[in-house]
N, C-alpha and C. Protein backbone atom coordinates (compact mmCIF):
# COMPACT_ATOMS: atom_id res chain seq x y z
N UNK A 1 1.69 1.16 -33.61
CA UNK A 1 1.73 0.91 -32.18
C UNK A 1 1.18 2.13 -31.45
N UNK A 2 0.33 1.89 -30.48
CA UNK A 2 -0.28 2.98 -29.71
C UNK A 2 0.72 3.57 -28.73
N UNK A 3 0.60 4.86 -28.50
CA UNK A 3 1.43 5.56 -27.53
C UNK A 3 0.72 5.57 -26.18
N UNK A 4 1.44 5.29 -25.12
CA UNK A 4 0.87 5.29 -23.78
C UNK A 4 1.22 6.59 -23.09
N UNK A 5 0.21 7.29 -22.62
CA UNK A 5 0.40 8.54 -21.90
C UNK A 5 0.68 8.21 -20.43
N UNK A 6 1.95 8.04 -20.08
CA UNK A 6 2.32 7.60 -18.74
C UNK A 6 2.00 8.63 -17.66
N UNK A 7 1.75 9.86 -18.04
CA UNK A 7 1.40 10.88 -17.05
C UNK A 7 -0.08 10.82 -16.65
N UNK A 8 -0.86 10.05 -17.38
CA UNK A 8 -2.30 9.98 -17.10
C UNK A 8 -2.80 8.55 -16.94
N UNK A 9 -1.96 7.69 -16.41
CA UNK A 9 -2.40 6.32 -16.15
C UNK A 9 -3.33 6.30 -14.95
N UNK A 10 -4.30 5.38 -14.93
CA UNK A 10 -5.18 5.30 -13.76
C UNK A 10 -4.42 4.84 -12.53
N UNK A 11 -4.84 5.32 -11.39
CA UNK A 11 -4.24 4.93 -10.12
C UNK A 11 -4.69 3.51 -9.78
N UNK A 12 -3.76 2.66 -9.39
CA UNK A 12 -4.10 1.29 -8.99
C UNK A 12 -4.83 1.35 -7.65
N UNK A 13 -6.11 1.23 -7.70
CA UNK A 13 -6.94 1.41 -6.52
C UNK A 13 -7.78 0.15 -6.33
N UNK A 14 -7.37 -0.72 -5.43
CA UNK A 14 -8.12 -1.94 -5.27
C UNK A 14 -8.00 -2.55 -3.89
N UNK A 15 -9.06 -3.18 -3.48
CA UNK A 15 -9.10 -3.93 -2.23
C UNK A 15 -8.91 -5.40 -2.63
N UNK A 16 -7.67 -5.77 -2.92
CA UNK A 16 -7.36 -7.06 -3.50
C UNK A 16 -7.74 -8.24 -2.61
N UNK A 17 -7.82 -8.04 -1.31
CA UNK A 17 -8.15 -9.11 -0.38
C UNK A 17 -9.54 -8.95 0.23
N UNK A 18 -10.31 -8.00 -0.26
CA UNK A 18 -11.69 -7.75 0.18
C UNK A 18 -11.80 -7.54 1.68
N UNK A 19 -10.77 -6.94 2.29
CA UNK A 19 -10.81 -6.71 3.73
C UNK A 19 -11.83 -5.65 4.12
N UNK A 20 -12.16 -4.75 3.20
CA UNK A 20 -13.13 -3.70 3.51
C UNK A 20 -14.49 -4.30 3.89
N UNK A 21 -14.81 -5.44 3.33
CA UNK A 21 -16.08 -6.11 3.66
C UNK A 21 -16.14 -6.57 5.11
N UNK A 22 -14.99 -6.69 5.75
CA UNK A 22 -14.93 -7.16 7.13
C UNK A 22 -15.04 -6.03 8.14
N UNK A 23 -14.99 -4.78 7.69
CA UNK A 23 -14.98 -3.63 8.58
C UNK A 23 -16.39 -3.22 9.00
N UNK A 24 -16.46 -2.61 10.17
CA UNK A 24 -17.72 -2.01 10.61
C UNK A 24 -17.96 -0.73 9.81
N UNK A 25 -19.15 -0.18 9.91
CA UNK A 25 -19.45 1.07 9.21
C UNK A 25 -18.51 2.19 9.66
N UNK A 26 -18.23 2.26 10.96
CA UNK A 26 -17.33 3.29 11.49
C UNK A 26 -15.92 3.11 10.94
N UNK A 27 -15.44 1.87 10.89
CA UNK A 27 -14.11 1.59 10.37
C UNK A 27 -14.04 1.90 8.87
N UNK A 28 -15.10 1.58 8.15
CA UNK A 28 -15.16 1.85 6.71
C UNK A 28 -15.14 3.36 6.45
N UNK A 29 -15.85 4.11 7.27
CA UNK A 29 -15.82 5.57 7.14
C UNK A 29 -14.42 6.12 7.35
N UNK A 30 -13.73 5.60 8.35
CA UNK A 30 -12.36 6.04 8.63
C UNK A 30 -11.42 5.67 7.48
N UNK A 31 -11.60 4.48 6.94
CA UNK A 31 -10.80 4.05 5.80
C UNK A 31 -10.98 5.00 4.63
N UNK A 32 -12.21 5.41 4.37
CA UNK A 32 -12.47 6.35 3.28
C UNK A 32 -11.83 7.72 3.55
N UNK A 33 -11.81 8.13 4.82
CA UNK A 33 -11.13 9.38 5.18
C UNK A 33 -9.63 9.28 4.90
N UNK A 34 -9.05 8.17 5.29
CA UNK A 34 -7.60 7.96 5.06
C UNK A 34 -7.30 7.93 3.58
N UNK A 35 -8.11 7.21 2.82
CA UNK A 35 -7.90 7.15 1.36
C UNK A 35 -8.02 8.53 0.72
N UNK A 36 -8.98 9.32 1.18
CA UNK A 36 -9.15 10.67 0.63
C UNK A 36 -7.92 11.53 0.94
N UNK A 37 -7.41 11.40 2.17
CA UNK A 37 -6.21 12.16 2.54
C UNK A 37 -5.01 11.72 1.68
N UNK A 38 -4.84 10.42 1.52
CA UNK A 38 -3.74 9.91 0.70
C UNK A 38 -3.84 10.42 -0.74
N UNK A 39 -5.06 10.41 -1.27
CA UNK A 39 -5.26 10.88 -2.64
C UNK A 39 -4.91 12.35 -2.77
N UNK A 40 -5.26 13.15 -1.77
CA UNK A 40 -5.00 14.59 -1.83
C UNK A 40 -3.57 14.96 -1.50
N UNK A 41 -2.96 14.28 -0.54
CA UNK A 41 -1.66 14.70 -0.02
C UNK A 41 -0.46 13.88 -0.51
N UNK A 42 -0.67 12.65 -0.88
CA UNK A 42 0.45 11.78 -1.24
C UNK A 42 0.49 11.48 -2.74
N UNK A 43 -0.65 11.09 -3.30
CA UNK A 43 -0.69 10.68 -4.70
C UNK A 43 -0.08 11.72 -5.65
N UNK A 44 -0.35 13.02 -5.48
CA UNK A 44 0.22 13.99 -6.42
C UNK A 44 1.75 14.03 -6.40
N UNK A 45 2.38 13.54 -5.34
CA UNK A 45 3.84 13.62 -5.21
C UNK A 45 4.54 12.27 -5.27
N UNK A 46 3.79 11.19 -5.18
CA UNK A 46 4.38 9.86 -5.03
C UNK A 46 5.35 9.50 -6.16
N UNK A 47 4.99 9.78 -7.39
CA UNK A 47 5.86 9.43 -8.51
C UNK A 47 7.18 10.19 -8.44
N UNK A 48 7.10 11.47 -8.13
CA UNK A 48 8.33 12.27 -8.03
C UNK A 48 9.21 11.76 -6.89
N UNK A 49 8.60 11.44 -5.74
CA UNK A 49 9.37 10.91 -4.61
C UNK A 49 10.02 9.58 -4.98
N UNK A 50 9.25 8.72 -5.65
CA UNK A 50 9.77 7.42 -6.06
C UNK A 50 10.97 7.61 -6.99
N UNK A 51 10.80 8.45 -8.00
CA UNK A 51 11.86 8.66 -8.97
C UNK A 51 13.10 9.31 -8.35
N UNK A 52 12.90 10.13 -7.32
CA UNK A 52 14.02 10.79 -6.66
C UNK A 52 14.63 9.90 -5.57
N UNK A 53 13.96 8.79 -5.25
CA UNK A 53 14.45 7.92 -4.20
C UNK A 53 14.32 8.54 -2.82
N UNK A 54 13.26 9.33 -2.63
CA UNK A 54 13.08 10.01 -1.35
C UNK A 54 11.59 10.03 -0.99
N UNK A 55 11.30 10.70 0.11
CA UNK A 55 9.92 10.93 0.52
C UNK A 55 9.88 12.24 1.31
N UNK A 56 8.71 12.62 1.76
CA UNK A 56 8.60 13.86 2.53
C UNK A 56 9.45 13.81 3.78
N UNK A 57 9.69 12.63 4.31
CA UNK A 57 10.40 12.51 5.58
C UNK A 57 11.90 12.36 5.41
N UNK A 58 12.37 12.22 4.16
CA UNK A 58 13.82 12.05 3.97
C UNK A 58 14.42 13.21 3.22
């Protein structure tokens, strides 16, 4: 049986409803800015916050 490295799983990153196709270029640029911020500021801590039952605001 293969061992799964749970510390290095890929991030679930998907536009499941294809809403990005409905955005203007300006809105799409903003979306990419928000995603970049989330990746830099939230993703590195999200698992720890989830496991602790908290967030930056609690």
